[in-house]
Amino acid sequence: MLASFAGLAVGIFFLSFTYHYVLWIYIGLSGALYATVRAHHPGLNVRFGLVDAVLVVAADVVVLASVYLYTRWSLR
C-alpha cells in the first residue's frame, strides 16, 4: 500500500488526480485494510497527534518552497 501511495503521490504532483477513479480505489483499499486489521486486533489504536500534524505542515511548506524556487530559477 505504501508503494502504491508513493506512486500515486508522484502522479498527483504532476497531474490532477481529484476525480481519477484509481485514487479513490486505493483510498477505499486502505480503509478496508484498516477495518480488517481492526477486526483481527481490536486493541490497535492509530494516533495522529500534534507532532504528526506539524511534520505534515512542515513537509508541505518545504515542497511548496522548493517548487516556487525551482520555477523562479528555471525561468531565468
C-alpha atoms as a PDB file:
ATOM      1  CA  MET A   1       0.000   0.000   0.000  1.00  0.00           C
ATOM      2  CA  LEU A   2       2.852   2.369   0.800  1.00  0.00           C
ATOM      3  CA  ALA A   3       4.462   1.818  -2.594  1.00  0.00           C
ATOM      4  CA  SER A   4       1.114   2.346  -4.310  1.00  0.00           C
ATOM      5  CA  PHE A   5       0.517   5.604  -2.470  1.00  0.00           C
ATOM      6  CA  ALA A   6       4.067   6.742  -3.244  1.00  0.00           C
ATOM      7  CA  GLY A   7       3.402   6.166  -6.947  1.00  0.00           C
ATOM      8  CA  LEU A   8       0.093   7.982  -6.685  1.00  0.00           C
ATOM      9  CA  ALA A   9       1.818  10.877  -4.917  1.00  0.00           C
ATOM     10  CA  VAL A  10       4.175  11.292  -7.869  1.00  0.00           C
ATOM     11  CA  GLY A  11       1.231  11.195 -10.271  1.00  0.00           C
ATOM     12  CA  ILE A  12      -0.729  13.664  -8.159  1.00  0.00           C
ATOM     13  CA  PHE A  13       2.258  16.010  -8.066  1.00  0.00           C
ATOM     14  CA  PHE A  14       2.373  16.247 -11.845  1.00  0.00           C
ATOM     15  CA  LEU A  15      -1.317  15.768 -12.716  1.00  0.00           C
ATOM     16  CA  SER A  16      -4.695  16.371 -11.129  1.00  0.00           C
ATOM     17  CA  PHE A  17      -5.992  13.124  -9.657  1.00  0.00           C
ATOM     18  CA  THR A  18      -9.030  14.657  -7.945  1.00  0.00           C
ATOM     19  CA  TYR A  19     -11.642  12.780  -9.944  1.00  0.00           C
ATOM     20  CA  HIS A  20      -9.494   9.891 -11.134  1.00  0.00           C
ATOM     21  CA  TYR A  21     -11.013   6.585 -10.063  1.00  0.00           C
ATOM     22  CA  VAL A  22      -7.670   4.931  -9.226  1.00  0.00           C
ATOM     23  CA  LEU A  23      -7.044   7.358  -6.345  1.00  0.00           C
ATOM     24  CA  TRP A  24     -10.421   6.561  -4.803  1.00  0.00           C
ATOM     25  CA  ILE A  25      -9.913   2.817  -5.256  1.00  0.00           C
ATOM     26  CA  TYR A  26      -6.668   2.985  -3.281  1.00  0.00           C
ATOM     27  CA  ILE A  27      -8.242   5.151  -0.585  1.00  0.00           C
ATOM     28  CA  GLY A  28     -11.009   2.544  -0.290  1.00  0.00           C
ATOM     29  CA  LEU A  29      -8.460  -0.278  -0.165  1.00  0.00           C
ATOM     30  CA  SER A  30      -6.568   1.424   2.640  1.00  0.00           C
ATOM     31  CA  GLY A  31      -9.817   1.848   4.588  1.00  0.00           C
ATOM     32  CA  ALA A  32     -10.660  -1.821   4.029  1.00  0.00           C
ATOM     33  CA  LEU A  33      -7.187  -2.861   5.202  1.00  0.00           C
ATOM     34  CA  TYR A  34      -7.578  -0.747   8.338  1.00  0.00           C
ATOM     35  CA  ALA A  35     -11.018  -2.251   9.052  1.00  0.00           C
ATOM     36  CA  THR A  36      -9.676  -5.776   8.554  1.00  0.00           C
ATOM     37  CA  VAL A  37      -6.733  -5.203  10.891  1.00  0.00           C
ATOM     38  CA  ARG A  38      -9.056  -3.664  13.494  1.00  0.00           C
ATOM     39  CA  ALA A  39     -11.338  -6.723  13.265  1.00  0.00           C
ATOM     40  CA  HIS A  40      -8.424  -9.069  13.977  1.00  0.00           C
ATOM     41  CA  HIS A  41      -6.682  -6.856  16.553  1.00  0.00           C
ATOM     42  CA  PRO A  42      -9.311  -4.711  18.337  1.00  0.00           C
ATOM     43  CA  GLY A  43      -6.690  -3.137  20.591  1.00  0.00           C
ATOM     44  CA  LEU A  44      -4.967  -1.409  17.672  1.00  0.00           C
ATOM     45  CA  ASN A  45      -5.039   2.335  18.080  1.00  0.00           C
ATOM     46  CA  VAL A  46      -3.772   4.638  15.332  1.00  0.00           C
ATOM     47  CA  ARG A  47      -2.908   8.048  16.723  1.00  0.00           C
ATOM     48  CA  PHE A  48      -2.377  11.299  14.855  1.00  0.00           C
ATOM     49  CA  GLY A  49      -1.070  13.912  17.246  1.00  0.00           C
ATOM     50  CA  LEU A  50       0.209  17.442  17.176  1.00  0.00           C
ATOM     51  CA  VAL A  51       3.755  16.361  16.276  1.00  0.00           C
ATOM     52  CA  ASP A  52       2.439  14.466  13.241  1.00  0.00           C
ATOM     53  CA  ALA A  53       0.388  17.465  12.118  1.00  0.00           C
ATOM     54  CA  VAL A  54       3.406  19.774  12.459  1.00  0.00           C
ATOM     55  CA  LEU A  55       5.549  17.377  10.405  1.00  0.00           C
ATOM     56  CA  VAL A  56       2.930  17.251   7.640  1.00  0.00           C
ATOM     57  CA  VAL A  57       2.663  21.041   7.545  1.00  0.00           C
ATOM     58  CA  ALA A  58       6.467  21.377   7.519  1.00  0.00           C
ATOM     59  CA  ALA A  59       6.741  18.904   4.637  1.00  0.00           C
ATOM     60  CA  ASP A  60       4.078  20.849   2.722  1.00  0.00           C
ATOM     61  CA  VAL A  61       5.928  24.127   3.249  1.00  0.00           C
ATOM     62  CA  VAL A  62       9.191  22.557   2.064  1.00  0.00           C
ATOM     63  CA  VAL A  63       7.561  21.169  -1.087  1.00  0.00           C
ATOM     64  CA  LEU A  64       5.843  24.479  -1.890  1.00  0.00           C
ATOM     65  CA  ALA A  65       9.019  26.476  -1.284  1.00  0.00           C
ATOM     66  CA  SER A  66      11.030  24.057  -3.424  1.00  0.00           C
ATOM     67  CA  VAL A  67       8.575  24.283  -6.312  1.00  0.00           C
ATOM     68  CA  TYR A  68       8.478  28.074  -6.025  1.00  0.00           C
ATOM     69  CA  LEU A  69      12.276  28.360  -6.019  1.00  0.00           C
ATOM     70  CA  TYR A  70      12.645  25.853  -8.850  1.00  0.00           C
ATOM     71  CA  THR A  71      10.182  27.700 -11.068  1.00  0.00           C
ATOM     72  CA  ARG A  72      11.852  31.045 -10.344  1.00  0.00           C
ATOM     73  CA  TRP A  73      15.281  29.589 -11.026  1.00  0.00           C
ATOM     74  CA  SER A  74      14.259  27.793 -14.222  1.00  0.00           C
ATOM     75  CA  LEU A  75      12.609  30.897 -15.749  1.00  0.00           C
ATOM     76  CA  ARG A  76      15.839  32.897 -15.767  1.00  0.00           C
END
